[in-house]
Amino acid sequence: MQERVSRPTESRAIPFDTAKLDSLMEAAGLDILVATSKHNVQYLLDAERAIFFDYMDALGISRYLPVLIYPKGAPDKAAYIGHRLETHQRAVAPLWVPQVRTEGNGSVDAISLGAGLIKEAAVPMKRVGVEMPFLPMDAGRALSDALPGSEIKDALLVLERLRAVKSPAELAKLKKASELVIESMDEVIASHGPGTTKQQLFDALRIAEVKRGLTFEYCLLACGASHNRAPSADRWQTGDVLSLDSGGNYHGYIGDLARMAVLGEPDSELKDLLAEIEAIQRAAFAAVRPGAMGGDIYAAAEKRLAQSSQRDCTDFLAHGMGLVSHEAPRLTAKGPIPYDDADARRPLETGMVVSIETTMKHPRRGFIKLEDTVAVTATGYEIFGEGSRGWNVGGSAVAR
């Protein structure tokens, strides 16, 4: 028996710029868009992800595969195929998509139903855009078999360009995520003192983020002179620095920040080292404004980095942030994540969001880092979660 979600009496507004998407699809040579990643489906639907599959996709002998179909220039023929376990969720929060079918059980049946709906729509389908990294091989083969006259092309960058400029609602979520991550770090630093293991700090930060309504994603942490950032039995001792670098997301939007702490009062050397990192961060911030080339951020930061006494052990990185870490704008082709730097040669736009981070791997004092989330505004920039940028003293709540 088919599971169908009845449409609301008044359709919701389409949450993205259809003209922009149509233009991007035209430039990429696409007639139909088939989105299958959880983040892009969330974006195109403006809806919470399927509750049952928010954590993991595997189920039985297949996997969850949401399928959003968007024909260029014909949003009235868009369709969404969800899992049968989404039926009640989609009934409670109706979607804008004219046809919602919560009938999927695995990857092949979901994409096969989607192919059938494409045929029924009677729209051009010579060139079908898919998210190649997010389409399982079995589903990709089933789609090709079902649409033998269609060319299957990669649409990943089309969707990335669509998401590059954030709406006010998206910016509010990114700001909230950032602020809550900082609040969580403040709590953990203040409530843990000498002898705390890195594993205990990791676990405490997870709890602190979750109780604030975040989905905990990761925490990279280093203490003492070590540069190892995995949770372990190593202990944070008096005089040691602590680096916390965590990602927690708020309704899918990532807050990714790094802050520093020390057990005891920071000495003059530590103050000077963090001040050098802060100066590089501030130089990068000053280059953020609408109309400036994305590469200006790197030029400003690297000029200041070249003046640092610690330049040989310090690295700078800037990357886009949103539903995905390292999304557009993409500003460097030499960073730790491989991609091109197309946005280095494009102007920044109001609503873009960039993570700016400076990392010092000091041979004696340890891992020292600041990472900030910065939004491009009409007049320049805004830092999300700007607090606690200096040396935060560990165990202050324990000592009281």
Protein backbone atom coordinates (compact mmCIF):
# COMPACT_ATOMS: atom_id res chain seq x y z
CA MET A 1 0.00 0.00 0.00
CA GLN A 2 1.43 3.35 -1.03
CA GLU A 3 2.27 5.88 1.65
CA ARG A 4 1.30 9.35 0.44
CA VAL A 5 1.45 12.58 2.37
CA SER A 6 -1.54 14.79 1.78
CA ARG A 7 -0.72 18.36 0.79
CA PRO A 8 -1.72 21.29 3.00
CA THR A 9 -4.64 23.40 1.88
CA GLU A 10 -2.22 26.26 1.15
CA SER A 11 1.17 25.36 -0.30
CA ARG A 12 4.26 26.67 1.46
CA ALA A 13 6.47 29.16 -0.34
CA ILE A 14 9.50 27.72 -2.11
CA PRO A 15 12.40 28.38 0.30
CA PHE A 16 15.15 29.04 -2.26
CA ASP A 17 15.62 31.25 -5.31
CA THR A 18 14.25 29.19 -8.19
CA ALA A 19 15.50 31.68 -10.78
CA LYS A 20 19.03 31.32 -9.41
CA LEU A 21 18.81 27.54 -9.43
CA ASP A 22 17.39 27.52 -12.97
CA SER A 23 20.26 29.74 -14.11
CA LEU A 24 22.86 27.53 -12.46
CA MET A 25 21.30 24.44 -14.01
CA GLU A 26 21.23 26.08 -17.44
CA ALA A 27 24.92 27.01 -17.16
CA ALA A 28 25.77 23.44 -16.13
CA GLY A 29 23.65 21.93 -18.91
CA LEU A 30 21.05 20.25 -16.71
CA ASP A 31 17.36 19.61 -17.31
CA ILE A 32 16.56 17.77 -14.07
CA LEU A 33 18.15 17.95 -10.64
CA VAL A 34 18.12 14.89 -8.38
CA ALA A 35 19.40 15.71 -4.88
CA THR A 36 20.17 12.81 -2.56
CA SER A 37 22.41 14.18 0.21
CA LYS A 38 20.76 14.88 3.54
CA HIS A 39 22.16 18.41 3.69
CA ASN A 40 21.03 19.46 0.22
CA VAL A 41 17.62 17.84 0.62
CA GLN A 42 17.25 19.72 3.92
CA TYR A 43 18.20 22.96 2.17
CA LEU A 44 15.86 22.50 -0.81
CA LEU A 45 12.94 21.46 1.38
CA ASP A 46 13.67 23.88 4.25
CA ALA A 47 12.68 21.05 6.56
CA GLU A 48 14.23 19.09 9.38
CA ARG A 49 15.95 15.88 8.36
CA ALA A 50 14.22 12.57 8.81
CA ILE A 51 14.32 11.88 12.55
CA PHE A 52 15.04 8.17 12.25
CA PHE A 53 18.01 8.75 9.92
CA ASP A 54 19.56 11.87 11.37
CA TYR A 55 22.38 9.87 12.94
CA MET A 56 23.00 7.00 10.49
CA ASP A 57 21.79 5.94 7.05
CA ALA A 58 22.27 2.17 7.22
CA LEU A 59 19.17 0.03 7.70
CA GLY A 60 18.83 -3.68 7.02
CA ILE A 61 20.66 -4.54 3.79
CA SER A 62 20.39 -1.09 2.23
CA ARG A 63 20.43 2.55 3.31
CA TYR A 64 18.23 5.60 3.62
CA LEU A 65 18.22 7.68 0.47
CA PRO A 66 16.10 10.85 0.33
CA VAL A 67 15.39 11.91 -3.26
CA LEU A 68 14.38 15.45 -4.24
CA ILE A 69 13.51 15.94 -7.92
CA TYR A 70 13.53 19.45 -9.37
CA PRO A 71 12.88 20.00 -13.11
CA LYS A 72 14.47 23.21 -14.38
CA GLY A 73 11.84 25.93 -14.68
CA ALA A 74 9.05 23.68 -13.41
CA PRO A 75 8.91 23.71 -9.60
CA ASP A 76 5.24 22.76 -9.88
CA LYS A 77 6.46 19.33 -11.02
CA ALA A 78 8.98 18.84 -8.24
CA ALA A 79 8.71 15.71 -6.09
CA TYR A 80 10.17 14.27 -2.93
CA ILE A 81 10.64 10.58 -2.15
CA GLY A 82 11.24 9.86 1.52
CA HIS A 83 11.36 6.75 3.66
CA ARG A 84 8.10 5.28 4.90
CA LEU A 85 9.17 6.17 8.47
CA GLU A 86 9.00 9.85 7.47
CA THR A 87 5.25 9.72 6.80
CA HIS A 88 4.10 11.14 10.14
CA GLN A 89 6.90 13.71 10.29
CA ARG A 90 6.04 15.11 6.87
CA ALA A 91 2.33 15.19 7.75
CA VAL A 92 3.07 17.28 10.83
CA ALA A 93 5.33 19.67 8.91
CA PRO A 94 4.11 19.76 5.28
CA LEU A 95 6.60 20.48 2.49
CA TRP A 96 6.35 22.91 -0.39
CA VAL A 97 6.92 20.13 -2.92
CA PRO A 98 3.73 19.36 -4.89
CA GLN A 99 4.22 15.60 -4.70
CA VAL A 100 5.53 13.89 -1.56
CA ARG A 101 5.88 10.11 -1.56
CA THR A 102 7.08 8.51 1.66
CA GLU A 103 7.38 5.03 0.24
CA GLY A 104 11.10 4.34 0.23
CA ASN A 105 12.79 1.51 2.10
CA GLY A 106 16.26 1.53 0.57
CA SER A 107 18.44 3.16 -2.05
CA VAL A 108 17.29 1.33 -5.17
CA ASP A 109 13.54 1.47 -4.61
CA ALA A 110 13.73 5.18 -3.70
CA ILE A 111 15.66 6.15 -6.82
CA SER A 112 13.52 3.87 -8.99
CA LEU A 113 10.38 5.61 -7.76
CA GLY A 114 12.08 8.92 -8.49
CA ALA A 115 12.87 7.84 -12.04
CA GLY A 116 9.24 6.89 -12.54
CA LEU A 117 8.10 10.32 -11.36
CA ILE A 118 10.55 12.00 -13.75
CA LYS A 119 8.99 10.11 -16.65
CA GLU A 120 5.46 10.94 -15.49
CA ALA A 121 6.30 14.64 -15.26
CA ALA A 122 6.76 14.81 -19.05
CA VAL A 123 9.57 17.37 -18.78
CA PRO A 124 12.90 17.50 -20.64
CA MET A 125 15.21 14.90 -19.17
CA LYS A 126 18.08 14.60 -21.59
CA ARG A 127 20.57 15.72 -18.93
CA VAL A 128 20.02 14.65 -15.32
CA GLY A 129 22.15 16.19 -12.58
CA VAL A 130 22.93 14.10 -9.50
CA GLU A 131 25.22 14.43 -6.48
CA MET A 132 27.89 11.96 -7.53
CA PRO A 133 29.56 11.67 -4.08
CA PHE A 134 26.16 11.12 -2.44
CA LEU A 135 24.57 8.63 -4.84
CA PRO A 136 25.25 4.96 -4.00
CA MET A 137 26.47 2.82 -6.88
CA ASP A 138 23.38 0.62 -6.83
CA ALA A 139 21.10 3.65 -6.99
CA GLY A 140 23.18 5.29 -9.69
CA ARG A 141 23.04 2.16 -11.81
CA ALA A 142 19.28 1.87 -11.27
CA LEU A 143 18.78 5.50 -12.33
CA SER A 144 20.83 5.02 -15.50
CA ASP A 145 18.94 1.84 -16.36
CA ALA A 146 15.57 3.54 -15.81
CA LEU A 147 16.50 6.56 -17.93
CA PRO A 148 18.56 5.06 -20.78
CA GLY A 149 18.22 8.15 -22.97
CA SER A 150 19.50 10.53 -20.32
CA GLU A 151 23.03 11.69 -19.64
CA ILE A 152 23.86 11.55 -15.91
CA LYS A 153 25.99 14.52 -14.87
CA ASP A 154 27.41 15.79 -11.57
CA ALA A 155 25.39 18.63 -10.01
CA LEU A 156 27.31 18.93 -6.73
CA LEU A 157 28.79 22.34 -7.54
CA VAL A 158 25.45 23.65 -8.78
CA LEU A 159 24.00 23.04 -5.34
CA GLU A 160 27.05 24.45 -3.62
CA ARG A 161 26.75 27.71 -5.56
CA LEU A 162 23.06 27.85 -4.69
CA ARG A 163 23.87 27.57 -0.96
CA ALA A 164 26.86 29.93 -0.97
CA VAL A 165 24.87 33.01 0.09
CA LYS A 166 22.95 32.39 3.29
CA SER A 167 19.46 33.68 4.03
CA PRO A 168 18.78 35.65 7.25
CA ALA A 169 17.27 32.50 8.77
CA GLU A 170 20.39 30.49 7.94
CA LEU A 171 22.66 33.18 9.35
CA ALA A 172 20.65 33.18 12.57
CA LYS A 173 21.17 29.43 12.93
CA LEU A 174 24.91 29.70 12.27
CA LYS A 175 25.19 32.48 14.84
CA LYS A 176 23.23 30.48 17.40
CA ALA A 177 25.36 27.39 16.78
CA SER A 178 28.56 29.40 17.24
CA GLU A 179 27.39 31.06 20.44
CA LEU A 180 26.29 27.76 21.95
CA VAL A 181 29.62 26.10 21.15
CA ILE A 182 31.46 28.92 22.94
CA GLU A 183 29.10 28.68 25.93
CA SER A 184 29.76 24.94 26.08
CA MET A 185 33.53 25.42 25.98
CA ASP A 186 33.35 28.05 28.72
CA GLU A 187 31.45 25.64 30.96
CA VAL A 188 33.85 22.74 30.40
CA ILE A 189 36.98 24.84 30.92
CA ALA A 190 35.66 26.42 34.11
CA SER A 191 34.44 23.16 35.63
CA HIS A 192 37.54 20.99 35.08
CA GLY A 193 40.86 21.25 36.83
CA PRO A 194 44.24 19.50 37.19
CA GLY A 195 44.27 15.79 36.48
CA THR A 196 41.28 15.79 34.10
CA THR A 197 41.85 13.45 31.18
CA LYS A 198 41.37 14.48 27.57
CA GLN A 199 38.67 11.82 27.31
CA GLN A 200 36.80 13.38 30.24
CA LEU A 201 37.02 16.81 28.63
CA PHE A 202 35.75 15.38 25.33
CA ASP A 203 32.81 13.69 27.04
CA ALA A 204 31.99 16.80 29.07
CA LEU A 205 31.93 18.99 25.96
CA ARG A 206 29.61 16.54 24.22
CA ILE A 207 27.16 16.76 27.14
CA ALA A 208 27.47 20.56 27.37
CA GLU A 209 26.64 20.98 23.68
CA VAL A 210 23.77 18.51 23.63
CA LYS A 211 22.07 20.05 26.68
CA ARG A 212 22.11 23.39 24.84
CA GLY A 213 20.26 21.92 21.89
CA LEU A 214 23.24 21.26 19.63
CA THR A 215 24.05 18.05 17.81
CA PHE A 216 27.62 17.27 18.86
CA GLU A 217 29.79 16.45 15.86
CA TYR A 218 33.39 16.40 17.07
CA CYS A 219 35.96 17.79 19.43
CA LEU A 220 39.66 17.98 18.59
CA LEU A 221 41.62 18.70 21.77
CA ALA A 222 45.27 18.96 22.72
CA CYS A 223 46.89 19.70 26.06
CA GLY A 224 50.38 20.29 27.36
CA ALA A 225 53.22 20.26 24.84
CA SER A 226 51.56 17.54 22.75
CA HIS A 227 50.06 18.25 19.33
CA ASN A 228 47.93 15.09 19.41
CA ARG A 229 44.25 16.07 19.32
CA ALA A 230 42.55 12.74 19.96
CA PRO A 231 40.69 12.06 23.25
CA SER A 232 42.87 9.91 25.47
CA ALA A 233 43.95 9.17 29.03
CA ASP A 234 46.49 12.02 28.92
CA ARG A 235 45.87 14.51 31.72
CA TRP A 236 45.55 18.28 31.77
CA GLN A 237 47.98 19.46 34.46
CA THR A 238 48.80 22.78 36.14
CA GLY A 239 50.57 25.11 33.72
CA ASP A 240 49.39 23.19 30.65
CA VAL A 241 47.57 24.79 27.77
CA LEU A 242 44.37 23.26 26.43
CA SER A 243 43.08 23.67 22.86
CA LEU A 244 39.40 22.93 22.22
CA ASP A 245 38.24 22.84 18.59
CA SER A 246 34.66 21.67 18.28
CA GLY A 247 31.85 21.47 15.79
CA GLY A 248 28.28 21.42 17.04
CA ASN A 249 25.37 21.96 14.70
CA TYR A 250 22.09 23.74 15.30
CA HIS A 251 19.30 22.42 13.08
CA GLY A 252 21.97 21.25 10.64
CA TYR A 253 24.08 24.44 10.58
CA ILE A 254 27.58 24.04 11.96
CA GLY A 255 29.24 26.10 14.66
CA ASP A 256 32.98 25.37 14.29
CA LEU A 257 35.25 27.29 16.67
CA ALA A 258 38.49 26.91 18.61
CA ARG A 259 39.43 28.50 21.91
CA MET A 260 42.33 28.22 24.35
CA ALA A 261 42.65 27.61 28.08
CA VAL A 262 45.41 27.18 30.63
CA LEU A 263 45.53 25.72 34.14
CA GLY A 264 46.83 28.63 36.17
CA GLU A 265 47.59 32.16 35.04
CA PRO A 266 49.14 32.43 31.56
CA ASP A 267 52.75 33.60 31.55
CA SER A 268 54.07 36.38 29.33
CA GLU A 269 55.21 33.98 26.61
CA LEU A 270 51.77 32.40 26.31
CA LYS A 271 50.17 35.84 26.17
CA ASP A 272 52.55 36.85 23.37
CA LEU A 273 51.93 33.66 21.39
CA LEU A 274 48.16 33.99 21.50
CA ALA A 275 48.46 37.69 20.65
CA GLU A 276 50.32 36.76 17.47
CA ILE A 277 47.51 34.41 16.48
CA GLU A 278 44.93 37.08 17.29
CA ALA A 279 46.76 39.60 15.10
CA ILE A 280 46.65 37.22 12.13
CA GLN A 281 42.95 36.56 12.72
CA ARG A 282 42.20 40.29 12.88
CA ALA A 283 44.14 40.95 9.70
CA ALA A 284 42.02 38.36 7.91
CA PHE A 285 38.77 39.76 9.36
CA ALA A 286 39.64 43.22 8.02
CA ALA A 287 39.68 41.85 4.45
CA VAL A 288 36.11 40.53 4.72
CA ARG A 289 33.59 42.79 3.00
CA PRO A 290 31.20 42.51 0.05
CA GLY A 291 32.92 43.06 -3.28
CA ALA A 292 36.39 42.14 -2.05
CA MET A 293 38.01 39.18 -3.77
CA GLY A 294 37.92 36.03 -1.66
CA GLY A 295 41.67 35.74 -2.06
CA ASP A 296 42.12 39.04 -0.21
CA ILE A 297 41.49 37.17 3.03
CA TYR A 298 44.54 34.99 2.44
CA ALA A 299 46.67 37.89 1.21
CA ALA A 300 45.98 39.89 4.37
CA ALA A 301 46.51 36.97 6.74
CA GLU A 302 49.68 35.74 5.05
CA LYS A 303 51.17 39.24 5.07
CA ARG A 304 50.66 39.41 8.83
CA LEU A 305 51.84 35.82 9.30
CA ALA A 306 55.11 36.64 7.54
CA GLN A 307 55.81 39.18 10.30
CA SER A 308 55.28 36.64 13.10
CA SER A 309 58.21 35.31 15.09
CA GLN A 310 56.40 31.95 15.03
CA ARG A 311 55.72 31.84 11.27
CA ASP A 312 57.65 28.58 10.82
CA CYS A 313 55.25 26.68 13.10
CA THR A 314 52.03 28.54 12.26
CA ASP A 315 49.45 27.90 9.54
CA PHE A 316 46.45 29.89 8.30
CA LEU A 317 43.25 28.51 6.79
CA ALA A 318 39.95 30.04 5.64
CA HIS A 319 36.99 28.06 4.28
CA GLY A 320 33.26 28.35 3.75
CA MET A 321 30.79 27.28 6.44
CA GLY A 322 27.10 26.41 6.51
CA LEU A 323 25.36 23.04 6.30
CA VAL A 324 28.76 21.63 5.36
CA SER A 325 32.21 22.46 6.65
CA HIS A 326 34.45 23.56 3.75
CA GLU A 327 31.62 24.57 1.44
CA ALA A 328 31.59 27.66 -0.82
CA PRO A 329 33.22 30.11 -0.73
CA ARG A 330 36.27 27.94 -1.41
CA LEU A 331 39.34 30.13 -1.03
CA THR A 332 42.45 27.94 -1.32
CA ALA A 333 43.67 24.99 -3.33
CA LYS A 334 46.49 24.32 -0.85
CA GLY A 335 44.51 23.54 2.30
CA PRO A 336 44.05 20.19 4.07
CA ILE A 337 40.83 19.42 2.14
CA PRO A 338 41.39 19.02 -1.63
CA TYR A 339 39.34 21.34 -3.86
CA ASP A 340 39.97 24.26 -6.21
CA ASP A 341 40.03 27.89 -5.15
CA ALA A 342 37.39 29.30 -7.51
CA ASP A 343 36.14 31.82 -4.94
CA ALA A 344 39.59 33.31 -4.43
CA ARG A 345 39.02 35.05 -7.75
CA ARG A 346 35.38 35.96 -7.13
CA PRO A 347 33.96 38.80 -5.05
CA LEU A 348 32.61 38.01 -1.62
CA GLU A 349 28.85 38.51 -1.30
CA THR A 350 26.73 39.65 1.61
CA GLY A 351 25.48 36.51 3.36
CA MET A 352 28.54 34.35 2.72
CA VAL A 353 30.07 32.75 5.82
CA VAL A 354 33.75 31.93 6.29
CA SER A 355 35.64 30.03 8.97
CA ILE A 356 38.95 31.75 9.71
CA GLU A 357 41.56 29.82 11.69
CA THR A 358 45.19 30.25 12.69
CA THR A 359 47.06 27.28 14.16
CA MET A 360 50.41 27.34 15.94
CA LYS A 361 52.14 24.04 16.72
CA HIS A 362 54.69 25.39 19.15
CA PRO A 363 57.52 22.94 19.88
CA ARG A 364 57.50 23.66 23.64
CA ARG A 365 54.17 25.26 24.57
CA GLY A 366 51.90 22.98 22.57
CA PHE A 367 48.96 23.41 20.22
CA ILE A 368 47.63 27.00 20.19
CA LYS A 369 44.75 27.96 17.93
CA LEU A 370 41.87 30.34 17.35
CA GLU A 371 39.07 29.61 14.90
CA ASP A 372 36.18 31.97 14.21
CA THR A 373 33.03 31.98 12.10
CA VAL A 374 32.68 35.23 10.16
CA ALA A 375 29.69 36.40 8.10
CA VAL A 376 29.97 38.91 5.26
CA THR A 377 27.59 41.81 6.00
CA ALA A 378 26.52 44.80 3.92
CA THR A 379 29.06 46.97 5.73
CA GLY A 380 31.87 44.47 6.32
CA TYR A 381 31.74 41.47 8.63
CA GLU A 382 30.27 40.04 11.83
CA ILE A 383 31.96 37.47 14.05
CA PHE A 384 29.60 34.78 15.32
CA GLY A 385 30.47 33.62 18.85
CA GLU A 386 33.23 36.16 19.41
CA GLY A 387 33.66 35.61 23.15
CA SER A 388 36.40 33.89 25.17
CA ARG A 389 39.16 34.72 22.70
CA GLY A 390 41.95 35.12 25.26
CA TRP A 391 43.46 32.68 27.74
CA ASN A 392 40.57 31.12 29.64
CA VAL A 393 41.62 29.86 33.08
CA GLY A 394 40.71 26.26 33.77
CA GLY A 395 39.04 25.09 36.94
CA SER A 396 37.74 28.52 37.97
CA ALA A 397 34.33 27.13 38.93
CA VAL A 398 35.96 24.25 40.85
CA ALA A 399 38.15 26.64 42.85
CA ARG A 400 35.22 28.75 44.08
